[in-house]
C-alpha atoms as a PDB file:
ATOM      1  CA  SER A   1      81.854 -79.253  17.661  1.00  0.00           C
ATOM      2  CA  PHE A   2      80.955 -78.977  13.610  1.00  0.00           C
ATOM      3  CA  ALA A   3      77.794 -81.146  14.239  1.00  0.00           C
ATOM      4  CA  ALA A   4      76.551 -79.358  17.230  1.00  0.00           C
ATOM      5  CA  LEU A   5      77.479 -75.894  15.437  1.00  0.00           C
ATOM      6  CA  ALA A   6      75.214 -76.473  12.632  1.00  0.00           C
ATOM      7  CA  ARG A   7      72.219 -77.875  14.615  1.00  0.00           C
ATOM      8  CA  LEU A   8      72.422 -75.664  17.762  1.00  0.00           C
ATOM      9  CA  GLY A   9      68.970 -74.086  17.216  1.00  0.00           C
ATOM     10  CA  ASP A  10      67.623 -77.112  17.635  1.00  0.00           C
ATOM     11  CA  PHE A  11      69.291 -77.410  21.584  1.00  0.00           C
ATOM     12  CA  LEU A  12      67.524 -77.171  24.762  1.00  0.00           C
ATOM     13  CA  PRO A  13      68.429 -75.999  27.744  1.00  0.00           C
ATOM     14  CA  GLN A  14      69.819 -78.967  29.074  1.00  0.00           C
ATOM     15  CA  ASP A  15      71.515 -79.659  26.027  1.00  0.00           C
ATOM     16  CA  LEU A  16      73.554 -76.443  25.750  1.00  0.00           C
ATOM     17  CA  ALA A  17      74.479 -77.028  29.762  1.00  0.00           C
ATOM     18  CA  ASN A  18      75.339 -80.469  29.376  1.00  0.00           C
ATOM     19  CA  THR A  19      77.432 -79.565  26.258  1.00  0.00           C
ATOM     20  CA  ALA A  20      79.150 -76.978  27.695  1.00  0.00           C
ATOM     21  CA  TRP A  21      79.683 -78.858  30.728  1.00  0.00           C
ATOM     22  CA  ALA A  22      81.531 -81.850  28.216  1.00  0.00           C
ATOM     23  CA  TYR A  23      83.684 -79.565  26.803  1.00  0.00           C
ATOM     24  CA  ALA A  24      84.853 -77.920  30.276  1.00  0.00           C
ATOM     25  CA  LYS A  25      85.202 -80.935  31.866  1.00  0.00           C
ATOM     26  CA  LEU A  26      87.646 -82.615  29.098  1.00  0.00           C
ATOM     27  CA  CYS A  27      89.366 -79.180  29.185  1.00  0.00           C
ATOM     28  CA  ILE A  28      88.395 -78.114  25.284  1.00  0.00           C
ATOM     29  CA  GLN A  29      88.818 -74.748  24.237  1.00  0.00           C
ATOM     30  CA  ASP A  30      86.470 -74.873  21.614  1.00  0.00           C
ATOM     31  CA  GLN A  31      85.572 -71.104  21.404  1.00  0.00           C
ATOM     32  CA  PRO A  32      83.352 -70.690  18.039  1.00  0.00           C
ATOM     33  CA  LEU A  33      81.273 -73.751  19.458  1.00  0.00           C
ATOM     34  CA  LEU A  34      81.252 -71.993  23.820  1.00  0.00           C
ATOM     35  CA  ALA A  35      80.464 -68.353  21.640  1.00  0.00           C
ATOM     36  CA  ALA A  36      77.983 -70.127  20.120  1.00  0.00           C
ATOM     37  CA  ILE A  37      76.328 -71.976  23.229  1.00  0.00           C
ATOM     38  CA  ALA A  38      76.282 -68.776  25.389  1.00  0.00           C
ATOM     39  CA  ALA A  39      74.719 -67.548  21.928  1.00  0.00           C
ATOM     40  CA  ARG A  40      71.711 -69.678  21.911  1.00  0.00           C
ATOM     41  CA  ALA A  41      71.788 -69.436  26.066  1.00  0.00           C
ATOM     42  CA  LEU A  42      71.081 -66.114  26.465  1.00  0.00           C
ATOM     43  CA  ALA A  43      68.268 -66.708  23.373  1.00  0.00           C
ATOM     44  CA  THR A  44      66.703 -69.398  26.311  1.00  0.00           C
ATOM     45  CA  ILE A  45      67.506 -68.168  29.534  1.00  0.00           C
ATOM     46  CA  GLU A  46      64.004 -67.999  30.940  1.00  0.00           C
ATOM     47  CA  GLU A  47      63.928 -71.611  30.112  1.00  0.00           C
ATOM     48  CA  PHE A  48      66.638 -73.218  32.151  1.00  0.00           C
ATOM     49  CA  THR A  49      66.578 -74.979  35.504  1.00  0.00           C
ATOM     50  CA  PRO A  50      68.904 -74.603  38.765  1.00  0.00           C
ATOM     51  CA  GLN A  51      70.857 -77.281  36.971  1.00  0.00           C
ATOM     52  CA  ASN A  52      71.068 -75.978  33.801  1.00  0.00           C
ATOM     53  CA  LEU A  53      72.231 -72.826  35.205  1.00  0.00           C
ATOM     54  CA  THR A  54      74.779 -74.260  37.502  1.00  0.00           C
ATOM     55  CA  ASN A  55      76.192 -76.699  35.092  1.00  0.00           C
ATOM     56  CA  SER A  56      76.592 -73.423  32.423  1.00  0.00           C
ATOM     57  CA  ALA A  57      78.080 -71.014  35.024  1.00  0.00           C
ATOM     58  CA  TRP A  58      80.923 -73.683  35.880  1.00  0.00           C
ATOM     59  CA  SER A  59      81.527 -74.585  32.040  1.00  0.00           C
ATOM     60  CA  CYS A  60      82.454 -70.897  31.975  1.00  0.00           C
ATOM     61  CA  ALA A  61      84.820 -71.211  35.137  1.00  0.00           C
ATOM     62  CA  THR A  62      86.958 -73.828  34.414  1.00  0.00           C
ATOM     63  CA  VAL A  63      87.417 -72.767  30.527  1.00  0.00           C
ATOM     64  CA  VAL A  64      87.824 -69.265  31.939  1.00  0.00           C
ATOM     65  CA  MET A  65      85.197 -67.744  29.813  1.00  0.00           C
ATOM     66  CA  ARG A  66      84.551 -64.823  31.652  1.00  0.00           C
ATOM     67  CA  ASP A  67      81.203 -63.468  29.186  1.00  0.00           C
ATOM     68  CA  LEU A  68      79.729 -61.221  31.250  1.00  0.00           C
ATOM     69  CA  PRO A  69      76.300 -60.880  29.815  1.00  0.00           C
ATOM     70  CA  LEU A  70      75.675 -64.774  30.107  1.00  0.00           C
ATOM     71  CA  LEU A  71      76.998 -64.798  33.917  1.00  0.00           C
ATOM     72  CA  SER A  72      74.961 -61.316  34.166  1.00  0.00           C
ATOM     73  CA  SER A  73      71.739 -63.468  32.883  1.00  0.00           C
ATOM     74  CA  ILE A  74      72.858 -66.498  34.677  1.00  0.00           C
ATOM     75  CA  SER A  75      72.193 -64.546  37.911  1.00  0.00           C
ATOM     76  CA  ALA A  76      69.424 -62.927  37.524  1.00  0.00           C
ATOM     77  CA  ARG A  77      67.379 -66.657  36.503  1.00  0.00           C
ATOM     78  CA  ALA A  78      69.187 -67.723  39.155  1.00  0.00           C
ATOM     79  CA  LEU A  79      67.818 -65.138  41.799  1.00  0.00           C
ATOM     80  CA  SER A  80      64.252 -66.006  40.482  1.00  0.00           C
ATOM     81  CA  LEU A  81      64.751 -69.465  40.822  1.00  0.00           C
ATOM     82  CA  MET A  82      66.710 -69.843  44.231  1.00  0.00           C
ATOM     83  CA  GLY A  83      64.133 -71.758  45.968  1.00  0.00           C
ATOM     84  CA  GLN A  84      64.549 -74.379  44.105  1.00  0.00           C
ATOM     85  CA  PHE A  85      68.314 -74.694  44.122  1.00  0.00           C
ATOM     86  CA  ASP A  86      70.253 -77.674  46.317  1.00  0.00           C
ATOM     87  CA  GLN A  87      73.109 -77.701  47.959  1.00  0.00           C
ATOM     88  CA  GLN A  88      75.557 -78.569  45.135  1.00  0.00           C
ATOM     89  CA  ASN A  89      73.569 -75.600  43.024  1.00  0.00           C
ATOM     90  CA  LEU A  90      74.201 -73.062  45.791  1.00  0.00           C
ATOM     91  CA  ALA A  91      78.120 -74.284  46.282  1.00  0.00           C
ATOM     92  CA  ASN A  92      79.039 -74.763  42.397  1.00  0.00           C
ATOM     93  CA  THR A  93      77.462 -71.823  41.457  1.00  0.00           C
ATOM     94  CA  ALA A  94      79.263 -69.167  44.338  1.00  0.00           C
ATOM     95  CA  TRP A  95      82.058 -71.359  43.158  1.00  0.00           C
ATOM     96  CA  ALA A  96      82.075 -70.295  39.906  1.00  0.00           C
ATOM     97  CA  PHE A  97      81.003 -66.690  40.312  1.00  0.00           C
ATOM     98  CA  ALA A  98      84.200 -66.818  42.979  1.00  0.00           C
ATOM     99  CA  SER A  99      86.708 -68.294  39.979  1.00  0.00           C
ATOM    100  CA  LEU A 100      86.106 -65.472  37.576  1.00  0.00           C
ATOM    101  CA  GLY A 101      86.401 -62.924  40.206  1.00  0.00           C
ATOM    102  CA  ILE A 102      82.807 -62.024  39.541  1.00  0.00           C
ATOM    103  CA  SER A 103      81.725 -60.035  42.785  1.00  0.00           C
ATOM    104  CA  ASP A 104      77.930 -60.007  42.485  1.00  0.00           C
ATOM    105  CA  GLU A 105      76.848 -59.167  45.682  1.00  0.00           C
ATOM    106  CA  HIS A 106      72.769 -59.555  45.069  1.00  0.00           C
ATOM    107  CA  LEU A 107      73.586 -63.166  44.281  1.00  0.00           C
ATOM    108  CA  LEU A 108      76.135 -63.238  46.705  1.00  0.00           C
ATOM    109  CA  HIS A 109      73.654 -62.534  49.491  1.00  0.00           C
ATOM    110  CA  VAL A 110      70.680 -64.668  48.209  1.00  0.00           C
ATOM    111  CA  ILE A 111      72.939 -67.581  47.932  1.00  0.00           C
ATOM    112  CA  ALA A 112      73.998 -66.786  51.453  1.00  0.00           C
ATOM    113  CA  ALA A 113      70.480 -66.890  53.043  1.00  0.00           C
ATOM    114  CA  ARG A 114      69.475 -70.252  50.909  1.00  0.00           C
ATOM    115  CA  ALA A 115      72.674 -71.872  52.193  1.00  0.00           C
ATOM    116  CA  MET A 116      71.854 -71.458  55.875  1.00  0.00           C
ATOM    117  CA  ALA A 117      68.482 -72.699  55.679  1.00  0.00           C
ATOM    118  CA  THR A 118      69.635 -76.103  53.949  1.00  0.00           C
ATOM    119  CA  ILE A 119      73.700 -75.878  54.737  1.00  0.00           C
ATOM    120  CA  PHE A 120      73.679 -79.714  56.871  1.00  0.00           C
ATOM    121  CA  GLU A 121      72.394 -80.714  53.784  1.00  0.00           C
ATOM    122  CA  PHE A 122      76.072 -79.438  52.532  1.00  0.00           C
ATOM    123  CA  SER A 123      78.544 -82.339  51.492  1.00  0.00           C
ATOM    124  CA  PRO A 124      82.216 -81.997  52.950  1.00  0.00           C
ATOM    125  CA  GLN A 125      83.044 -80.332  49.238  1.00  0.00           C
ATOM    126  CA  GLY A 126      80.325 -77.550  49.218  1.00  0.00           C
ATOM    127  CA  LEU A 127      80.943 -76.335  52.617  1.00  0.00           C
ATOM    128  CA  SER A 128      84.549 -75.965  51.507  1.00  0.00           C
ATOM    129  CA  ASN A 129      83.689 -74.334  48.282  1.00  0.00           C
ATOM    130  CA  MET A 130      81.130 -72.008  49.965  1.00  0.00           C
ATOM    131  CA  ALA A 131      83.817 -70.961  52.239  1.00  0.00           C
ATOM    132  CA  TRP A 132      86.673 -70.291  49.594  1.00  0.00           C
ATOM    133  CA  SER A 133      84.336 -68.655  47.798  1.00  0.00           C
ATOM    134  CA  TYR A 134      83.311 -66.434  49.520  1.00  0.00           C
ATOM    135  CA  ALA A 135      86.777 -65.521  51.385  1.00  0.00           C
ATOM    136  CA  CYS A 136      88.370 -65.510  47.482  1.00  0.00           C
ATOM    137  CA  LEU A 137      85.809 -62.747  46.809  1.00  0.00           C
ATOM    138  CA  GLY A 138      86.763 -60.897  50.192  1.00  0.00           C
ATOM    139  CA  PHE A 139      82.766 -61.109  50.982  1.00  0.00           C
ATOM    140  CA  THR A 140      82.418 -61.469  54.254  1.00  0.00           C
ATOM    141  CA  ASN A 141      78.752 -62.891  55.570  1.00  0.00           C
ATOM    142  CA  VAL A 142      79.534 -63.654  59.687  1.00  0.00           C
ATOM    143  CA  PRO A 143      75.897 -66.207  59.719  1.00  0.00           C
ATOM    144  CA  LEU A 144      77.015 -67.874  56.731  1.00  0.00           C
ATOM    145  CA  LEU A 145      80.514 -68.699  57.925  1.00  0.00           C
ATOM    146  CA  ALA A 146      78.746 -69.266  61.088  1.00  0.00           C
ATOM    147  CA  ALA A 147      76.773 -71.781  59.644  1.00  0.00           C
ATOM    148  CA  ILE A 148      79.299 -73.276  57.909  1.00  0.00           C
ATOM    149  CA  SER A 149      81.323 -73.724  60.492  1.00  0.00           C
ATOM    150  CA  SER A 150      78.480 -75.703  62.657  1.00  0.00           C
ATOM    151  CA  ALA A 151      78.356 -78.090  59.851  1.00  0.00           C
ATOM    152  CA  ALA A 152      82.023 -78.393  59.203  1.00  0.00           C
ATOM    153  CA  LEU A 153      82.300 -79.465  63.043  1.00  0.00           C
ATOM    154  CA  SER A 154      79.828 -81.538  62.599  1.00  0.00           C
ATOM    155  CA  ARG A 155      81.285 -83.620  60.050  1.00  0.00           C
ATOM    156  CA  MET A 156      85.190 -82.599  60.160  1.00  0.00           C
ATOM    157  CA  HIS A 157      85.927 -86.411  59.661  1.00  0.00           C
ATOM    158  CA  GLN A 158      84.687 -86.853  56.183  1.00  0.00           C
ATOM    159  CA  PHE A 159      86.638 -84.229  55.245  1.00  0.00           C
ATOM    160  CA  ARG A 160      89.749 -84.427  52.459  1.00  0.00           C
ATOM    161  CA  THR A 161      93.324 -83.195  52.388  1.00  0.00           C
ATOM    162  CA  GLN A 162      91.890 -80.791  49.691  1.00  0.00           C
ATOM    163  CA  GLU A 163      88.584 -79.721  51.419  1.00  0.00           C
ATOM    164  CA  LEU A 164      90.535 -79.472  54.548  1.00  0.00           C
ATOM    165  CA  SER A 165      93.610 -77.157  53.512  1.00  0.00           C
ATOM    166  CA  SER A 166      91.260 -74.724  51.476  1.00  0.00           C
ATOM    167  CA  MET A 167      88.771 -74.719  54.330  1.00  0.00           C
ATOM    168  CA  ALA A 168      92.037 -73.331  56.641  1.00  0.00           C
ATOM    169  CA  TRP A 169      92.672 -70.692  53.833  1.00  0.00           C
ATOM    170  CA  SER A 170      89.514 -69.540  53.927  1.00  0.00           C
ATOM    171  CA  VAL A 171      89.221 -69.068  57.515  1.00  0.00           C
ATOM    172  CA  ALA A 172      92.687 -67.340  57.526  1.00  0.00           C
ATOM    173  CA  LYS A 173      91.192 -64.972  54.807  1.00  0.00           C
ATOM    174  CA  SER A 174      87.660 -63.798  56.459  1.00  0.00           C
ATOM    175  CA  THR A 175      87.711 -61.971  59.199  1.00  0.00           C
ATOM    176  CA  MET A 176      86.837 -64.467  61.653  1.00  0.00           C
ATOM    177  CA  ARG A 177      89.231 -65.952  63.661  1.00  0.00           C
ATOM    178  CA  ASP A 178      87.165 -69.462  64.429  1.00  0.00           C
ATOM    179  CA  LEU A 179      89.627 -71.447  66.749  1.00  0.00           C
ATOM    180  CA  PRO A 180      87.444 -74.252  67.250  1.00  0.00           C
ATOM    181  CA  LEU A 181      87.268 -74.799  63.634  1.00  0.00           C
ATOM    182  CA  LEU A 182      91.019 -74.243  63.114  1.00  0.00           C
ATOM    183  CA  GLU A 183      91.397 -76.948  66.483  1.00  0.00           C
ATOM    184  CA  ALA A 184      89.068 -79.303  64.426  1.00  0.00           C
ATOM    185  CA  ILE A 185      91.202 -78.663  60.897  1.00  0.00           C
ATOM    186  CA  ALA A 186      94.191 -79.902  63.312  1.00  0.00           C
ATOM    187  CA  ALA A 187      93.118 -82.302  64.256  1.00  0.00           C
ATOM    188  CA  ALA A 188      91.609 -84.295  61.274  1.00  0.00           C
ATOM    189  CA  SER A 189      94.648 -82.985  59.076  1.00  0.00           C
ATOM    190  CA  LEU A 190      96.738 -85.003  61.162  1.00  0.00           C
ATOM    191  CA  CYS A 191      94.391 -88.411  60.677  1.00  0.00           C
ATOM    192  CA  THR A 192      95.635 -87.658  56.893  1.00  0.00           C
ATOM    193  CA  ILE A 193      99.076 -85.757  57.024  1.00  0.00           C
ATOM    194  CA  ALA A 194     100.520 -88.789  54.881  1.00  0.00           C
ATOM    195  CA  GLU A 195      98.028 -88.373  52.245  1.00  0.00           C
ATOM    196  CA  PHE A 196      98.522 -84.273  51.546  1.00  0.00           C
ATOM    197  CA  THR A 197     100.269 -82.846  48.933  1.00  0.00           C
ATOM    198  CA  SER A 198     103.117 -80.232  48.899  1.00  0.00           C
ATOM    199  CA  GLU A 199     100.570 -77.841  47.810  1.00  0.00           C
ATOM    200  CA  ASN A 200      97.956 -79.364  50.937  1.00  0.00           C
ATOM    201  CA  LEU A 201     100.629 -78.686  53.097  1.00  0.00           C
ATOM    202  CA  SER A 202     102.063 -75.338  52.471  1.00  0.00           C
ATOM    203  CA  ILE A 203      98.694 -73.617  52.021  1.00  0.00           C
ATOM    204  CA  THR A 204      97.192 -75.278  55.915  1.00  0.00           C
ATOM    205  CA  ALA A 205     101.126 -74.329  57.259  1.00  0.00           C
ATOM    206  CA  TRP A 206     100.427 -70.349  55.744  1.00  0.00           C
ATOM    207  CA  ALA A 207      96.450 -70.324  57.040  1.00  0.00           C
ATOM    208  CA  PHE A 208      97.734 -70.936  60.732  1.00  0.00           C
ATOM    209  CA  ALA A 209     100.613 -68.604  60.210  1.00  0.00           C
ATOM    210  CA  ALA A 210      98.445 -66.010  59.186  1.00  0.00           C
ATOM    211  CA  CYS A 211      95.610 -66.366  62.152  1.00  0.00           C
ATOM    212  CA  GLU A 212      98.520 -66.746  64.528  1.00  0.00           C
ATOM    213  CA  VAL A 213      98.236 -70.338  65.568  1.00  0.00           C
ATOM    214  CA  LEU A 214     101.165 -71.627  66.619  1.00  0.00           C
ATOM    215  CA  HIS A 215      99.618 -75.494  66.494  1.00  0.00           C
ATOM    216  CA  VAL A 216     101.518 -77.982  68.321  1.00  0.00           C
ATOM    217  CA  PRO A 217     101.928 -80.639  66.918  1.00  0.00           C
ATOM    218  CA  LEU A 218     100.334 -79.999  63.872  1.00  0.00           C
ATOM    219  CA  LEU A 219     102.869 -77.411  62.247  1.00  0.00           C
ATOM    220  CA  PRO A 220     106.165 -79.744  63.363  1.00  0.00           C
ATOM    221  CA  VAL A 221     104.575 -82.590  61.327  1.00  0.00           C
ATOM    222  CA  ILE A 222     104.246 -80.544  58.837  1.00  0.00           C
ATOM    223  CA  ALA A 223     107.590 -79.696  59.033  1.00  0.00           C
ATOM    224  CA  SER A 224     108.213 -83.220  58.675  1.00  0.00           C
ATOM    225  CA  SER A 225     106.164 -83.821  56.255  1.00  0.00           C
ATOM    226  CA  ALA A 226     107.216 -81.183  53.560  1.00  0.00           C
END
């Protein structure tokens, strides 16, 4: 980090974003380096690409660095480039802001609009992260939730255990009681119940209870697996 700090003025936006991502990925809390990267990013934010922005936001969330000036700048730049955001950029940016508890309404509305136009390009993880992010912030966007549900139903067989339990939690936290989606989650969960962690089991059971859906055979199977 000493070498990076000494040469940070020479770093391009991709260098800044990649360095932040690397330290976050490795869970290294090097505060002087991260603060210097944030300061340099603020000065060059207009040169950031969608991927640079996404990696920077993800890094902030992963190391729990709630740098509001930087995140505000990331939001503003993201809004100007939203037409270039792919499904991973959209899902990870939404996840980052939600993880930090930042309800940027304008950004969330624009991400939702862009996501709905490309929703069938989302991976199961992307769909799960989008649903989780909006539910976590208590931000209800009915057209987005309907689009996520439609896309999820078409590929539920591809969802992994974490994605299934997260999607169930998101349905329970939203104002929509999407019974077809819950039924599909239950069917997919029954096929992979042996792979569920204790956390997956408890979250899924809580979600169905919160939705007041007494699903048989899922709930008895969860009980026997716990």
